[in-house]
Protein backbone atom coordinates (compact mmCIF):
# COMPACT_ATOMS: atom_id res chain seq x y z
CA MET A 1 -14.30 -22.38 1.52
CA LYS A 2 -11.38 -20.31 0.30
CA LEU A 3 -11.86 -16.57 -0.07
CA VAL A 4 -10.55 -14.85 -3.21
CA SER A 5 -9.79 -11.12 -2.98
CA PHE A 6 -9.83 -9.16 -6.23
CA VAL A 7 -7.82 -5.92 -6.13
CA ILE A 8 -8.38 -3.41 -8.94
CA PRO A 9 -6.70 0.02 -9.18
CA CYS A 10 -9.14 2.41 -10.88
CA TYR A 11 -8.27 5.45 -12.98
CA ARG A 12 -10.53 7.04 -15.60
CA SER A 13 -12.69 3.92 -15.59
CA GLU A 14 -16.16 5.20 -14.76
CA GLY A 15 -17.44 3.65 -17.99
CA THR A 16 -15.69 0.27 -17.68
CA ILE A 17 -15.37 -0.74 -14.03
CA GLY A 18 -19.03 -1.72 -13.71
CA SER A 19 -18.75 -4.33 -16.46
CA VAL A 20 -15.49 -5.65 -14.96
CA VAL A 21 -17.23 -6.16 -11.60
CA GLU A 22 -20.18 -7.88 -13.30
CA GLU A 23 -17.78 -10.21 -15.09
CA ILE A 24 -16.05 -11.10 -11.83
CA GLU A 25 -19.40 -11.85 -10.18
CA ALA A 26 -20.45 -14.09 -13.08
CA ALA A 27 -17.11 -15.91 -13.08
CA MET A 28 -17.21 -16.54 -9.33
CA ALA A 29 -20.82 -17.77 -9.54
CA ALA A 30 -19.42 -20.57 -11.73
CA LEU A 31 -16.82 -21.38 -9.04
CA PRO A 32 -18.96 -22.15 -5.96
CA GLN A 33 -15.98 -23.62 -4.11
CA TYR A 34 -14.67 -20.08 -3.63
CA GLY A 35 -16.02 -17.05 -1.84
CA TYR A 36 -14.94 -13.65 -3.07
CA GLU A 37 -14.54 -9.96 -2.31
CA ILE A 38 -13.64 -7.06 -4.58
CA VAL A 39 -11.49 -4.12 -3.50
CA LEU A 40 -11.71 -1.15 -5.87
CA VAL A 41 -9.15 1.63 -5.34
CA ASN A 42 -9.74 5.00 -6.96
CA ASP A 43 -6.31 6.47 -7.67
CA SER A 44 -7.57 10.08 -7.55
CA SER A 45 -9.21 9.78 -10.96
CA PRO A 46 -10.37 13.15 -12.34
CA ASP A 47 -13.64 11.72 -13.67
CA GLY A 48 -16.55 10.12 -11.81
CA THR A 49 -14.82 6.82 -11.09
CA PHE A 50 -15.11 7.05 -7.31
CA ALA A 51 -18.82 7.85 -7.46
CA VAL A 52 -19.33 4.70 -9.55
CA ILE A 53 -17.33 2.37 -7.29
CA ALA A 54 -18.81 3.91 -4.14
CA SER A 55 -22.28 3.22 -5.51
CA LEU A 56 -21.30 -0.39 -6.23
CA ALA A 57 -19.93 -0.80 -2.69
CA GLU A 58 -23.06 0.63 -1.07
CA LYS A 59 -25.20 -1.92 -2.88
CA ASP A 60 -23.02 -5.04 -2.67
CA GLY A 61 -21.41 -6.39 0.50
CA HIS A 62 -18.72 -8.13 -1.56
CA ILE A 63 -17.29 -4.77 -2.66
CA THR A 64 -15.06 -2.26 -0.88
CA ALA A 65 -14.40 1.14 -2.48
CA VAL A 66 -11.29 3.11 -1.49
CA ASP A 67 -10.62 6.72 -2.47
CA LEU A 68 -6.99 7.89 -2.44
CA SER A 69 -6.27 11.53 -1.62
CA ARG A 70 -4.04 12.00 -4.67
CA ASN A 71 -2.61 9.99 -7.53
CA PHE A 72 -0.08 7.51 -6.12
CA GLY A 73 0.24 5.36 -9.24
CA GLN A 74 -0.86 1.81 -9.94
CA HIS A 75 1.52 0.19 -7.46
CA GLY A 76 0.60 2.56 -4.64
CA ALA A 77 -3.07 1.87 -5.33
CA LEU A 78 -2.42 -1.87 -5.23
CA MET A 79 -0.69 -1.53 -1.88
CA SER A 80 -3.73 0.32 -0.55
CA GLY A 81 -6.01 -2.43 -1.80
CA PHE A 82 -3.82 -5.14 -0.30
CA HIS A 83 -4.35 -3.68 3.16
CA HIS A 84 -8.09 -4.31 2.79
CA CYS A 85 -7.79 -7.93 1.59
CA ARG A 86 -9.06 -10.76 3.75
CA GLY A 87 -8.68 -13.53 1.19
CA ASP A 88 -6.62 -16.71 1.09
CA ILE A 89 -5.90 -15.92 -2.58
CA ILE A 90 -5.40 -12.46 -4.04
CA VAL A 91 -6.06 -11.68 -7.71
CA CYS A 92 -4.92 -8.42 -9.31
CA LEU A 93 -6.31 -7.19 -12.63
CA ASP A 94 -7.00 -4.03 -14.60
CA ASP A 95 -10.04 -1.77 -14.61
CA ASP A 96 -10.39 -1.36 -18.38
CA GLY A 97 -11.68 -4.83 -19.29
CA GLN A 98 -8.55 -5.86 -21.20
CA THR A 99 -7.68 -8.50 -18.60
CA PRO A 100 -10.39 -11.19 -18.90
CA ALA A 101 -11.96 -11.64 -15.47
CA ASP A 102 -14.05 -14.52 -16.81
CA GLU A 103 -10.85 -16.58 -17.16
CA VAL A 104 -9.86 -16.24 -13.50
CA GLY A 105 -10.65 -19.93 -13.07
CA LYS A 106 -7.53 -20.77 -15.08
CA LEU A 107 -5.34 -18.84 -12.63
CA LEU A 108 -7.04 -20.36 -9.58
CA SER A 109 -6.81 -23.89 -10.99
CA LYS A 110 -3.09 -23.48 -11.69
CA LEU A 111 -2.57 -22.06 -8.21
CA GLU A 112 -4.20 -25.18 -6.73
CA GLU A 113 -1.47 -27.27 -8.36
CA GLY A 114 0.92 -25.93 -5.74
CA TYR A 115 2.31 -22.76 -7.27
CA ASP A 116 2.67 -19.63 -5.16
CA VAL A 117 2.07 -17.05 -7.90
CA VAL A 118 0.37 -17.52 -11.28
CA TYR A 119 0.55 -14.90 -14.03
CA ALA A 120 -1.71 -14.55 -17.03
CA SER A 121 0.24 -14.69 -20.29
CA TYR A 122 -0.91 -13.20 -23.59
CA GLU A 123 -0.09 -14.51 -27.04
CA HIS A 124 -1.21 -11.24 -28.61
CA LYS A 125 -1.26 -8.14 -26.42
CA GLN A 126 -3.73 -5.47 -27.50
CA HIS A 127 -1.48 -2.59 -26.50
CA SER A 128 0.22 0.05 -28.60
CA ARG A 129 3.67 -0.67 -30.00
CA PHE A 130 5.15 1.80 -27.54
CA ARG A 131 3.48 0.05 -24.58
CA ASN A 132 4.57 -3.39 -25.81
CA LEU A 133 8.13 -2.13 -26.26
CA GLY A 134 8.03 -0.74 -22.73
CA SER A 135 6.81 -4.10 -21.41
CA LYS A 136 9.68 -5.90 -23.13
CA PHE A 137 12.18 -3.46 -21.67
CA ASN A 138 10.63 -3.86 -18.23
CA GLY A 139 10.85 -7.65 -18.57
CA LEU A 140 14.52 -7.45 -19.51
CA MET A 141 15.17 -5.10 -16.60
CA THR A 142 13.50 -7.37 -14.04
CA GLU A 143 15.37 -10.35 -15.47
CA ILE A 144 18.76 -8.67 -15.07
CA MET A 145 18.14 -6.68 -11.89
CA LEU A 146 15.68 -8.82 -9.95
CA GLY A 147 16.37 -12.35 -11.15
CA LYS A 148 13.08 -12.94 -12.98
CA PRO A 149 13.00 -16.34 -14.74
CA LYS A 150 13.57 -15.94 -18.48
CA ASP A 151 10.49 -17.94 -19.42
CA LEU A 152 8.16 -15.90 -17.19
CA THR A 153 6.39 -12.77 -18.40
CA LEU A 154 5.18 -10.42 -15.68
CA THR A 155 1.72 -8.97 -16.28
CA SER A 156 -0.79 -6.94 -14.29
CA TYR A 157 -3.15 -9.94 -14.13
CA PHE A 158 -1.95 -12.49 -11.58
CA ALA A 159 -3.01 -14.54 -8.56
CA MET A 160 -0.95 -15.19 -5.43
CA ARG A 161 -1.24 -16.99 -2.14
CA ARG A 162 -1.84 -15.23 1.15
CA PHE A 163 1.68 -15.72 2.50
CA VAL A 164 3.08 -13.83 -0.52
CA LEU A 165 0.74 -10.93 0.25
CA ASN A 166 1.77 -11.01 3.92
CA ASP A 167 5.39 -10.62 2.88
CA ILE A 168 4.49 -7.76 0.52
CA LEU A 169 2.68 -5.98 3.35
CA ARG A 170 5.89 -6.03 5.41
CA TYR A 171 7.29 -3.48 2.94
CA SER A 172 6.53 -0.09 4.45
CA ASN A 173 8.87 2.17 2.47
CA CYS A 174 7.72 4.57 -0.22
CA TYR A 175 8.06 3.72 -3.93
CA PRO A 176 6.52 0.22 -3.83
CA TYR A 177 7.24 -1.97 -6.85
CA ILE A 178 4.88 -4.95 -6.80
CA ASP A 179 6.81 -7.09 -9.28
CA GLY A 180 9.96 -6.76 -7.20
CA LEU A 181 8.08 -7.56 -3.99
CA VAL A 182 6.54 -10.68 -5.55
CA LEU A 183 9.86 -11.85 -6.99
CA ARG A 184 11.60 -11.55 -3.64
CA SER A 185 8.85 -13.54 -1.88
CA SER A 186 9.00 -16.77 -3.89
CA ASN A 187 10.49 -18.52 -6.90
CA ASN A 188 7.56 -20.89 -7.41
CA PHE A 189 5.85 -19.26 -10.41
CA ALA A 190 3.64 -20.41 -13.25
CA ALA A 191 1.82 -18.83 -16.18
CA VAL A 192 -1.42 -19.65 -17.96
CA PRO A 193 -2.50 -18.37 -21.38
CA VAL A 194 -5.53 -16.06 -21.50
CA ASN A 195 -6.98 -13.73 -24.10
CA HIS A 196 -6.02 -10.08 -24.06
CA ARG A 197 -8.86 -7.85 -25.22
CA GLN A 198 -9.06 -4.52 -26.92
CA ARG A 199 -9.53 -1.58 -24.57
CA GLN A 200 -13.23 -0.86 -24.20
CA GLN A 201 -12.77 2.90 -24.19
CA GLY A 202 -10.22 5.62 -23.49
CA GLU A 203 -6.44 5.36 -23.56
CA SER A 204 -3.81 3.90 -21.28
CA GLY A 205 -2.91 6.07 -18.29
CA TYR A 206 0.75 5.11 -18.67
CA THR A 207 2.66 8.01 -20.18
CA ILE A 208 6.37 8.01 -20.98
CA GLY A 209 7.03 9.78 -17.66
CA LYS A 210 5.08 7.20 -15.66
CA LEU A 211 6.81 4.28 -17.40
CA ILE A 212 10.23 5.81 -16.71
CA ALA A 213 9.25 6.33 -13.06
CA LEU A 214 8.14 2.70 -12.87
CA TRP A 215 11.41 1.48 -14.35
CA MET A 216 13.36 3.63 -11.90
CA ASN A 217 11.47 1.96 -9.04
CA GLY A 218 12.59 -1.41 -10.33
CA PHE A 219 16.16 -0.20 -10.86
CA THR A 220 16.66 1.36 -7.45
CA SER A 221 14.21 -0.16 -4.96
CA PHE A 222 15.31 -3.78 -4.88
CA SER A 223 18.79 -4.01 -6.35
CA VAL A 224 22.23 -2.40 -6.11
CA LYS A 225 23.21 -3.79 -9.51
CA PRO A 226 22.91 -0.36 -11.19
CA LEU A 227 25.61 0.93 -8.84
CA ARG A 228 27.76 -2.10 -9.61
CA LEU A 229 27.27 -1.55 -13.34
CA ALA A 230 28.31 2.07 -12.85
CA THR A 231 31.44 0.87 -11.03
CA TYR A 232 32.25 -1.57 -13.85
CA ALA A 233 31.66 1.14 -16.47
CA GLY A 234 33.94 3.52 -14.58
CA ALA A 235 36.67 0.88 -14.28
CA LEU A 236 36.42 0.01 -17.97
CA THR A 237 36.55 3.67 -18.96
CA ALA A 238 39.58 4.24 -16.74
CA PHE A 239 41.33 1.24 -18.31
CA LEU A 240 40.58 2.40 -21.85
CA GLY A 241 41.69 5.90 -20.91
CA PHE A 242 45.00 4.51 -19.62
CA ILE A 243 45.55 2.57 -22.85
CA TYR A 244 44.73 5.65 -24.91
CA ALA A 245 47.08 7.83 -22.84
CA LEU A 246 49.85 5.24 -23.22
CA THR A 247 49.28 5.19 -27.00
CA ILE A 248 49.53 8.99 -27.16
CA VAL A 249 52.83 8.97 -25.23
CA ILE A 250 54.32 6.27 -27.45
CA ASN A 251 53.23 8.06 -30.62
CA TYR A 252 54.65 11.33 -29.29
CA PHE A 253 58.14 9.82 -28.99
CA THR A 254 58.00 7.66 -32.14
CA ASP A 255 56.27 9.94 -34.64
CA SER A 256 57.39 13.55 -34.67
CA SER A 257 54.91 14.47 -37.41
CA ILE A 258 51.91 14.14 -35.09
CA LEU A 259 50.48 17.54 -34.29
CA GLU A 260 49.08 18.26 -30.90
CA GLY A 261 45.37 19.08 -31.05
CA TRP A 262 42.45 19.65 -28.77
CA SER A 263 39.93 17.38 -30.56
CA SER A 264 40.97 14.16 -28.86
CA THR A 265 41.23 15.92 -25.52
CA MET A 266 37.75 17.38 -25.82
CA ALA A 267 36.33 14.03 -26.92
CA LEU A 268 37.81 12.35 -23.86
CA GLN A 269 36.49 15.08 -21.58
CA LEU A 270 32.99 14.79 -23.02
CA VAL A 271 32.93 10.99 -22.67
CA LEU A 272 34.34 11.00 -19.15
CA GLY A 273 32.18 13.96 -18.11
CA GLY A 274 29.05 12.22 -19.41
CA ILE A 275 29.84 9.02 -17.53
CA ILE A 276 30.57 10.94 -14.34
CA LEU A 277 27.28 12.83 -14.57
CA VAL A 278 25.31 9.61 -15.19
CA VAL A 279 26.92 7.92 -12.19
CA LEU A 280 26.35 10.99 -9.99
CA GLY A 281 22.71 11.09 -11.11
CA LEU A 282 22.29 7.40 -10.27
CA ILE A 283 23.85 7.88 -6.83
CA GLY A 284 21.63 10.93 -6.31
CA GLU A 285 18.56 8.84 -7.17
CA TYR A 286 19.46 6.30 -4.49
CA ILE A 287 20.21 9.02 -1.93
CA GLY A 288 16.95 10.81 -2.74
CA ARG A 289 14.94 7.64 -2.22
CA ILE A 290 16.73 6.97 1.06
CA TYR A 291 15.86 10.52 2.14
CA MET A 292 12.19 10.03 1.23
CA CYS A 293 12.07 6.74 3.15
CA ILE A 294 13.69 8.29 6.23
CA ASN A 295 11.03 11.00 6.14
CA ALA A 296 8.34 8.30 6.01
CA SER A 297 6.82 9.42 2.71
CA PRO A 298 3.58 7.42 2.42
CA GLN A 299 2.87 4.72 -0.12
CA PHE A 300 -0.70 5.98 -0.24
CA VAL A 301 -3.17 8.11 1.72
CA GLU A 302 -6.82 7.06 1.88
CA ARG A 303 -9.43 9.79 1.96
CA GLN A 304 -12.44 7.50 2.31
CA VAL A 305 -13.43 3.84 2.44
CA VAL A 306 -16.96 2.83 1.45
CA LYS A 307 -18.65 -0.47 2.33
CA LYS A 308 -22.21 -1.64 2.50
CA LYS A 309 -23.43 -0.69 5.96
CA ASP A 310 -24.77 -4.07 6.97
CA SER A 311 -21.47 -5.71 5.91
CA GLU A 312 -19.30 -3.69 8.27
CA SER A 313 -17.94 -5.52 11.27
């Protein structure tokens, strides 16, 4: 019997995580060919989320509750959960009930066809326009920077084989980016359509700052293409600057009526100065991340792990 490990990062979900767990249990009861375990990771939620998941873990041997010492973000929480997985198949989903746990059979069935990773795809996403726009931008970024297939949409609800997880766990540096780690592990992907529900309560924990931080992880953690783009932009700007300078010299000798002014000079300085600052900032971002990795900044720190006492081995 194959074991399926469900990994769920939890943040401000004290009112929703219980129903998500119940839905998983009901779905797996209809799939007797699989065993299952559920790893719930509290990402330092300010409400009573950890008390809820700890209570669930104390009552049910299928459940492990992990409490992180501070907020490490969704991807850090996933990495923590991955270290507690024993399953042959790993399924990641959200804690708010928007990702339908009762349709996990679709992902598992598709995985059995021989695919390494199967993503849930949504015809209509029940997110805000801002969140949907951010998802489109993130998809475009991963396509350009990480080689994501054009016809594949990355979502937070997906299933993967154990060997993919084992490769992910080899990544020990700070700033984990799960999509990038999955994409570097295999190119054998599939997607299955599922329903995307309305949020049961509360609002998304992804702010503009968190989305930008996530995009920066994708930009800088698994690709040097941003640096190459900066090089190309610098070369193009230098070429255009040379053409413009040549035009100014020719006009100076051919048209005596042209008055010398500072407007064009200032415009050039502003454009070139802006490009230089952007490139320096990008280089600084890479150097800063290298510095953090050298200093062994942790992906996550676990304060406590709760399991049912008679299930501990």
